[in-house]
Protein backbone atom coordinates (compact mmCIF):
# COMPACT_ATOMS: atom_id res chain seq x y z
CA UNK A 1 -2.27 -1.97 -40.28
CA UNK A 2 -3.39 -5.41 -41.45
CA UNK A 3 -6.81 -5.55 -39.80
CA UNK A 4 -7.33 -9.32 -40.22
CA UNK A 5 -3.90 -10.06 -38.77
CA UNK A 6 -4.61 -7.78 -35.81
CA UNK A 7 -7.92 -9.58 -35.24
CA UNK A 8 -6.10 -12.93 -35.26
CA UNK A 9 -3.57 -11.62 -32.73
CA UNK A 10 -6.38 -10.37 -30.48
CA UNK A 11 -8.09 -13.77 -30.55
CA UNK A 12 -4.78 -15.48 -29.75
CA UNK A 13 -4.29 -13.18 -26.75
CA UNK A 14 -7.83 -13.83 -25.47
CA UNK A 15 -7.64 -17.60 -25.99
CA UNK A 16 -4.13 -17.89 -24.50
CA UNK A 17 -4.82 -15.64 -21.53
CA UNK A 18 -1.77 -13.39 -21.87
CA UNK A 19 0.27 -11.43 -24.37
CA UNK A 20 3.36 -13.57 -23.80
CA UNK A 21 1.48 -16.86 -24.26
CA UNK A 22 -0.04 -15.51 -27.47
CA UNK A 23 3.41 -14.49 -28.68
CA UNK A 24 4.72 -18.02 -28.08
CA UNK A 25 1.73 -19.53 -29.86
CA UNK A 26 2.10 -17.21 -32.87
CA UNK A 27 5.91 -17.21 -32.94
CA UNK A 28 5.81 -13.43 -32.53
CA UNK A 29 7.84 -11.19 -30.16
CA UNK A 30 5.96 -9.92 -27.12
CA UNK A 31 6.59 -6.31 -28.14
CA UNK A 32 5.00 -6.96 -31.53
CA UNK A 33 1.92 -8.55 -29.98
CA UNK A 34 1.52 -5.61 -27.61
CA UNK A 35 1.94 -3.08 -30.44
CA UNK A 36 -0.65 -4.78 -32.66
CA UNK A 37 -3.22 -4.75 -29.86
CA UNK A 38 -2.47 -1.08 -29.13
CA UNK A 39 -2.73 -0.18 -32.84
CA UNK A 40 -6.04 -2.00 -33.10
CA UNK A 41 -7.44 -0.17 -30.07
CA UNK A 42 -6.22 3.16 -31.50
CA UNK A 43 -7.86 2.45 -34.86
CA UNK A 44 -11.14 1.52 -33.17
CA UNK A 45 -10.88 4.39 -30.67
CA UNK A 46 -11.97 1.90 -28.02
CA UNK A 47 -10.27 0.00 -25.22
CA UNK A 48 -10.57 -3.76 -25.74
CA UNK A 49 -8.43 -5.19 -22.93
CA UNK A 50 -7.82 -4.26 -19.31
CA UNK A 51 -4.26 -5.34 -18.60
CA UNK A 52 -2.98 -6.15 -15.11
CA UNK A 53 0.12 -8.01 -13.90
CA UNK A 54 -1.98 -11.11 -13.17
CA UNK A 55 -4.58 -11.28 -15.92
CA UNK A 56 -6.23 -9.78 -18.97
CA UNK A 57 -9.90 -8.84 -18.88
CA UNK A 58 -12.07 -7.93 -21.85
CA UNK A 59 -14.05 -4.70 -21.68
CA UNK A 60 -17.69 -4.73 -22.75
CA UNK A 61 -16.60 -3.35 -26.13
CA UNK A 62 -13.85 -5.96 -26.24
CA UNK A 63 -16.25 -8.85 -25.69
CA UNK A 64 -18.51 -7.68 -28.51
CA UNK A 65 -15.55 -7.09 -30.82
CA UNK A 66 -13.99 -10.50 -30.09
CA UNK A 67 -17.29 -12.23 -30.92
CA UNK A 68 -17.42 -10.30 -34.20
CA UNK A 69 -13.78 -11.20 -34.94
CA UNK A 70 -14.55 -14.90 -34.54
CA UNK A 71 -17.44 -14.64 -37.01
CA UNK A 72 -15.46 -12.58 -39.52
CA UNK A 73 -12.33 -14.75 -39.44
CA UNK A 74 -14.49 -17.87 -39.64
CA UNK A 75 -16.20 -16.53 -42.76
CA UNK A 76 -12.82 -15.61 -44.31
CA UNK A 77 -11.50 -19.10 -43.56
CA UNK A 78 -14.57 -20.68 -45.15
CA UNK A 79 -14.18 -18.48 -48.25
CA UNK A 80 -10.50 -19.41 -48.61
CA UNK A 81 -11.28 -23.11 -48.29
CA UNK A 82 -13.99 -22.87 -50.92
CA UNK A 83 -11.66 -20.96 -53.27
CA UNK A 84 -8.96 -23.58 -52.75
CA UNK A 85 -11.34 -26.31 -53.87
CA UNK A 86 -11.81 -28.04 -50.52
CA UNK A 87 -15.56 -28.24 -51.17
CA UNK A 88 -15.31 -29.49 -54.75
CA UNK A 89 -12.79 -32.34 -54.42
CA UNK A 90 -10.99 -34.14 -51.56
CA UNK A 91 -7.64 -32.34 -51.44
CA UNK A 92 -5.45 -30.58 -48.91
CA UNK A 93 -4.09 -31.24 -45.42
CA UNK A 94 -5.82 -33.02 -42.53
CA UNK A 95 -4.65 -33.19 -38.92
CA UNK A 96 -5.73 -36.33 -37.06
CA UNK A 97 -5.01 -37.31 -33.46
CA UNK A 98 -5.44 -40.66 -31.66
CA UNK A 99 -4.15 -42.57 -28.61
CA UNK A 100 -0.70 -44.04 -29.28
CA UNK A 101 -1.46 -47.77 -29.40
CA UNK A 102 -4.89 -47.47 -30.99
CA UNK A 103 -3.50 -45.11 -33.60
CA UNK A 104 -0.66 -47.44 -34.51
CA UNK A 105 -2.58 -50.73 -34.49
CA UNK A 106 -6.05 -49.71 -35.71
CA UNK A 107 -6.08 -46.25 -37.27
CA UNK A 108 -2.81 -46.24 -39.22
CA UNK A 109 -3.80 -49.16 -41.51
CA UNK A 110 -7.06 -47.35 -42.32
CA UNK A 111 -5.24 -44.08 -43.05
CA UNK A 112 -2.82 -45.92 -45.32
CA UNK A 113 -5.75 -47.19 -47.39
CA UNK A 114 -7.35 -43.74 -47.39
CA UNK A 115 -4.23 -42.03 -48.71
CA UNK A 116 -3.96 -44.57 -51.51
CA UNK A 117 -7.58 -43.84 -52.47
CA UNK A 118 -7.20 -40.03 -52.25
CA UNK A 119 -3.79 -39.03 -53.63
CA UNK A 120 -4.46 -35.27 -53.28
CA UNK A 121 -4.99 -35.44 -49.50
CA UNK A 122 -2.14 -35.24 -46.98
CA UNK A 123 -2.56 -36.36 -43.34
CA UNK A 124 -0.55 -35.38 -40.29
CA UNK A 125 -1.19 -38.04 -37.64
CA UNK A 126 -0.43 -37.02 -34.05
CA UNK A 127 -0.27 -40.02 -31.71
CA UNK A 128 -0.41 -39.25 -28.01
CA UNK A 129 -2.41 -40.01 -24.90
CA UNK A 130 -2.77 -36.29 -24.02
CA UNK A 131 -6.18 -34.92 -24.96
CA UNK A 132 -5.83 -32.12 -27.52
CA UNK A 133 -8.24 -29.23 -27.96
CA UNK A 134 -9.50 -29.60 -31.53
CA UNK A 135 -10.01 -25.88 -32.10
CA UNK A 136 -6.93 -24.51 -30.35
CA UNK A 137 -4.62 -27.20 -31.77
CA UNK A 138 -6.18 -27.05 -35.26
CA UNK A 139 -7.13 -30.73 -35.27
CA UNK A 140 -9.61 -31.89 -37.92
CA UNK A 141 -10.44 -35.32 -36.48
CA UNK A 142 -9.78 -37.02 -33.13
CA UNK A 143 -10.21 -40.63 -32.02
CA UNK A 144 -11.41 -40.74 -28.41
CA UNK A 145 -11.79 -43.80 -26.19
CA UNK A 146 -14.18 -43.37 -23.26
CA UNK A 147 -17.01 -41.07 -22.30
CA UNK A 148 -17.14 -37.62 -23.88
CA UNK A 149 -17.88 -34.35 -22.05
CA UNK A 150 -20.62 -32.09 -23.31
CA UNK A 151 -19.20 -29.75 -25.95
CA UNK A 152 -19.95 -28.19 -29.30
CA UNK A 153 -18.11 -31.04 -31.03
CA UNK A 154 -19.71 -33.74 -33.16
CA UNK A 155 -19.14 -37.38 -32.13
CA UNK A 156 -19.74 -40.51 -34.19
CA UNK A 157 -19.37 -43.79 -32.28
CA UNK A 158 -17.66 -46.59 -34.22
CA UNK A 159 -17.54 -49.29 -31.57
CA UNK A 160 -16.69 -50.22 -28.00
CA UNK A 161 -13.67 -51.65 -26.23
CA UNK A 162 -13.59 -53.95 -23.23
CA UNK A 163 -11.34 -53.55 -20.21
CA UNK A 164 -9.99 -57.08 -19.82
CA UNK A 165 -7.93 -58.95 -17.24
CA UNK A 166 -5.46 -61.57 -18.43
CA UNK A 167 -2.39 -63.59 -17.52
CA UNK A 168 -0.05 -66.06 -19.19
CA UNK A 169 -0.71 -69.81 -19.20
CA UNK A 170 2.62 -70.30 -17.41
CA UNK A 171 1.61 -67.94 -14.60
CA UNK A 172 -1.84 -69.57 -14.25
CA UNK A 173 -0.25 -73.02 -14.12
CA UNK A 174 1.82 -71.85 -11.14
CA UNK A 175 -0.66 -69.65 -9.29
CA UNK A 176 -4.09 -70.79 -10.46
CA UNK A 177 -6.84 -68.67 -12.02
CA UNK A 178 -8.89 -66.23 -9.91
CA UNK A 179 -12.63 -66.87 -10.08
CA UNK A 180 -13.70 -63.72 -8.21
CA UNK A 181 -12.25 -60.23 -8.22
CA UNK A 182 -11.51 -60.38 -4.49
CA UNK A 183 -9.06 -63.22 -5.20
CA UNK A 184 -6.81 -60.75 -7.05
CA UNK A 185 -5.44 -59.75 -3.64
CA UNK A 186 -3.67 -63.13 -3.64
CA UNK A 187 -2.14 -62.59 -7.10
CA UNK A 188 0.85 -60.73 -8.47
CA UNK A 189 -0.37 -57.92 -10.69
CA UNK A 190 1.14 -55.73 -13.41
CA UNK A 191 -0.47 -52.29 -13.22
CA UNK A 192 -0.78 -49.83 -16.09
CA UNK A 193 -0.98 -46.50 -14.30
CA UNK A 194 -1.97 -44.44 -17.36
CA UNK A 195 -5.13 -46.53 -17.72
CA UNK A 196 -6.21 -46.68 -14.07
CA UNK A 197 -5.13 -45.93 -10.54
CA UNK A 198 -2.03 -48.03 -9.91
CA UNK A 199 -3.37 -50.09 -7.00
CA UNK A 200 -7.06 -50.49 -7.93
CA UNK A 201 -8.96 -51.89 -10.92
CA UNK A 202 -12.59 -51.23 -11.81
CA UNK A 203 -15.05 -54.16 -12.01
CA UNK A 204 -18.77 -54.79 -12.24
CA UNK A 205 -19.73 -56.59 -9.03
CA UNK A 206 -23.40 -57.42 -8.90
CA UNK A 207 -25.42 -54.37 -9.92
CA UNK A 208 -22.70 -51.75 -9.37
CA UNK A 209 -19.16 -50.91 -10.42
CA UNK A 210 -16.49 -51.19 -7.72
CA UNK A 211 -12.82 -50.34 -7.40
CA UNK A 212 -11.02 -53.49 -6.28
CA UNK A 213 -7.64 -53.30 -4.56
CA UNK A 214 -4.79 -55.20 -6.25
CA UNK A 215 -1.18 -55.98 -5.31
CA UNK A 216 1.10 -54.55 -8.03
CA UNK A 217 4.44 -56.29 -8.39
CA UNK A 218 5.25 -53.99 -11.32
CA UNK A 219 3.74 -50.66 -12.36
CA UNK A 220 4.40 -49.38 -15.90
CA UNK A 221 3.33 -46.39 -17.98
CA UNK A 222 2.46 -48.12 -21.28
CA UNK A 223 0.09 -50.91 -22.18
CA UNK A 224 2.78 -52.60 -24.28
CA UNK A 225 5.05 -52.93 -21.24
CA UNK A 226 2.21 -54.31 -19.10
CA UNK A 227 1.38 -56.90 -21.76
CA UNK A 228 5.04 -57.89 -22.22
CA UNK A 229 5.43 -58.40 -18.47
CA UNK A 230 2.25 -60.48 -18.32
CA UNK A 231 3.40 -62.61 -21.28
CA UNK A 232 6.69 -63.17 -19.43
CA UNK A 233 4.70 -64.68 -16.54
CA UNK A 234 5.13 -61.89 -14.02
CA UNK A 235 1.46 -61.65 -13.14
CA UNK A 236 -2.08 -60.57 -14.01
CA UNK A 237 -2.68 -57.35 -15.94
CA UNK A 238 -5.67 -55.21 -16.98
CA UNK A 239 -5.67 -53.45 -20.36
CA UNK A 240 -8.03 -52.67 -23.24
CA UNK A 241 -9.15 -55.50 -25.49
CA UNK A 242 -7.58 -54.18 -28.70
CA UNK A 243 -4.22 -53.80 -26.97
CA UNK A 244 -4.05 -57.43 -25.90
CA UNK A 245 -5.92 -59.18 -28.73
CA UNK A 246 -2.75 -60.22 -30.64
CA UNK A 247 -1.29 -61.86 -27.51
CA UNK A 248 -4.59 -63.63 -26.83
CA UNK A 249 -4.81 -64.85 -30.42
CA UNK A 250 -1.24 -66.18 -30.19
CA UNK A 251 -2.04 -68.05 -26.96
CA UNK A 252 0.45 -66.00 -24.95
CA UNK A 253 -2.26 -64.71 -22.61
CA UNK A 254 -5.58 -65.97 -21.25
CA UNK A 255 -8.69 -63.94 -20.40
CA UNK A 256 -9.83 -63.92 -16.77
CA UNK A 257 -12.84 -62.66 -14.79
CA UNK A 258 -14.93 -61.84 -17.88
CA UNK A 259 -18.20 -61.87 -15.92
CA UNK A 260 -16.87 -59.00 -13.78
CA UNK A 261 -15.80 -56.68 -16.61
CA UNK A 262 -17.11 -53.10 -16.32
CA UNK A 263 -19.13 -51.50 -19.10
CA UNK A 264 -17.18 -51.28 -22.38
CA UNK A 265 -15.72 -47.91 -23.37
CA UNK A 266 -17.10 -46.18 -26.48
CA UNK A 267 -14.73 -45.38 -29.36
CA UNK A 268 -15.72 -42.18 -31.17
CA UNK A 269 -14.68 -40.05 -34.10
CA UNK A 270 -14.76 -36.44 -32.90
CA UNK A 271 -14.71 -33.30 -35.03
CA UNK A 272 -15.76 -29.68 -34.78
CA UNK A 273 -19.02 -28.50 -36.28
CA UNK A 274 -17.96 -25.69 -38.59
CA UNK A 275 -20.86 -25.47 -40.99
CA UNK A 276 -20.23 -27.20 -44.28
CA UNK A 277 -17.48 -29.83 -43.86
CA UNK A 278 -14.53 -29.72 -46.26
CA UNK A 279 -14.80 -32.59 -48.70
CA UNK A 280 -11.45 -34.00 -47.52
CA UNK A 281 -12.82 -34.40 -43.96
CA UNK A 282 -16.16 -35.75 -45.16
CA UNK A 283 -14.26 -38.28 -47.30
CA UNK A 284 -12.13 -39.37 -44.34
CA UNK A 285 -15.15 -39.76 -42.06
CA UNK A 286 -17.03 -41.82 -44.64
CA UNK A 287 -13.95 -43.94 -45.34
CA UNK A 288 -12.70 -44.48 -41.79
CA UNK A 289 -15.93 -45.03 -39.83
CA UNK A 290 -17.05 -48.36 -41.39
CA UNK A 291 -13.49 -49.72 -41.50
CA UNK A 292 -12.80 -48.91 -37.85
CA UNK A 293 -16.20 -50.36 -36.92
CA UNK A 294 -15.31 -53.57 -38.73
CA UNK A 295 -11.89 -53.80 -37.06
CA UNK A 296 -13.44 -53.41 -33.59
CA UNK A 297 -16.08 -56.03 -34.37
CA UNK A 298 -13.33 -58.45 -35.44
CA UNK A 299 -11.49 -57.86 -32.16
CA UNK A 300 -14.61 -58.81 -30.20
CA UNK A 301 -15.12 -61.90 -32.38
CA UNK A 302 -11.49 -62.89 -31.79
CA UNK A 303 -11.95 -62.59 -28.03
CA UNK A 304 -15.06 -64.78 -28.21
CA UNK A 305 -13.24 -67.51 -30.16
CA UNK A 306 -10.36 -67.33 -27.69
CA UNK A 307 -12.80 -67.96 -24.84
CA UNK A 308 -14.14 -71.11 -26.50
CA UNK A 309 -10.66 -72.58 -26.91
CA UNK A 310 -9.34 -71.74 -23.44
CA UNK A 311 -8.19 -74.75 -21.37
CA UNK A 312 -9.32 -74.99 -17.73
CA UNK A 313 -6.95 -73.81 -15.00
CA UNK A 314 -7.00 -74.74 -11.36
CA UNK A 315 -8.75 -72.36 -9.01
CA UNK A 316 -6.53 -69.93 -7.15
CA UNK A 317 -5.50 -71.29 -3.73
CA UNK A 318 -5.30 -68.62 -0.97
CA UNK A 319 -1.81 -68.13 0.41
CA UNK A 320 -1.14 -69.32 3.92
């Protein structure tokens, strides 16, 4: 019996919650998973798992043994990384995840520079708006936009992003510009339902944040589609500042209701604390953090210059 392999299978079963889920995760037949657990229990002369049709439960011995397995396999992993040179030179594979649009517009240019500077490092970039578990999905570094829950992960903030409301000059020439959030009820809106509830937007009204009802003419599932519809003159939309900055810079869209914007969202680099960081990850953190910080600062400066050059639009007239 390969003891380390059996330990890894046991951890997969515990973390996945079932033998079948562990088999799918490991690419291993269910019968093989079950046999390896049974062989491990026989070798230890101790029962580790209580199996029932609905769930698996660790015995007292099982809980102690699983904790020991995590420490042992962690030490083995550290030793292998040290032997492979990950702590002496930046080399090897890195897995990075980020939201789709942010990853494409902001992170990918930074990673391109990084890979030119470090030819012995390979990066697998996973772009998606689903939040991945860094440990279970073997992710080295994640970009997160928004507040972070308490966890054992390490976060380094590189900037903040505004939630902005905008519309095209053509639309504002026809319908006028809202001067208060309550006037949005009289406007056609393009809602991005992955970013917020489809029929409400969040604003800072006085000393508190409020959800303000809107009237969606179109609801989409991507920020790009919402921006395209707004540029086409369909209505007012609400997205993140980095998503819309190119359209603002080109004059295709105009910022609205800036004094009512809610608190900006933090942008953080997130990674697991696993003792000594591999040099490849340390190199990426040191390389990416200042460059992403600079890119976010330039976005804010671009929005400020756009504000100064914005022509006046007539006030919205309530419909009769």
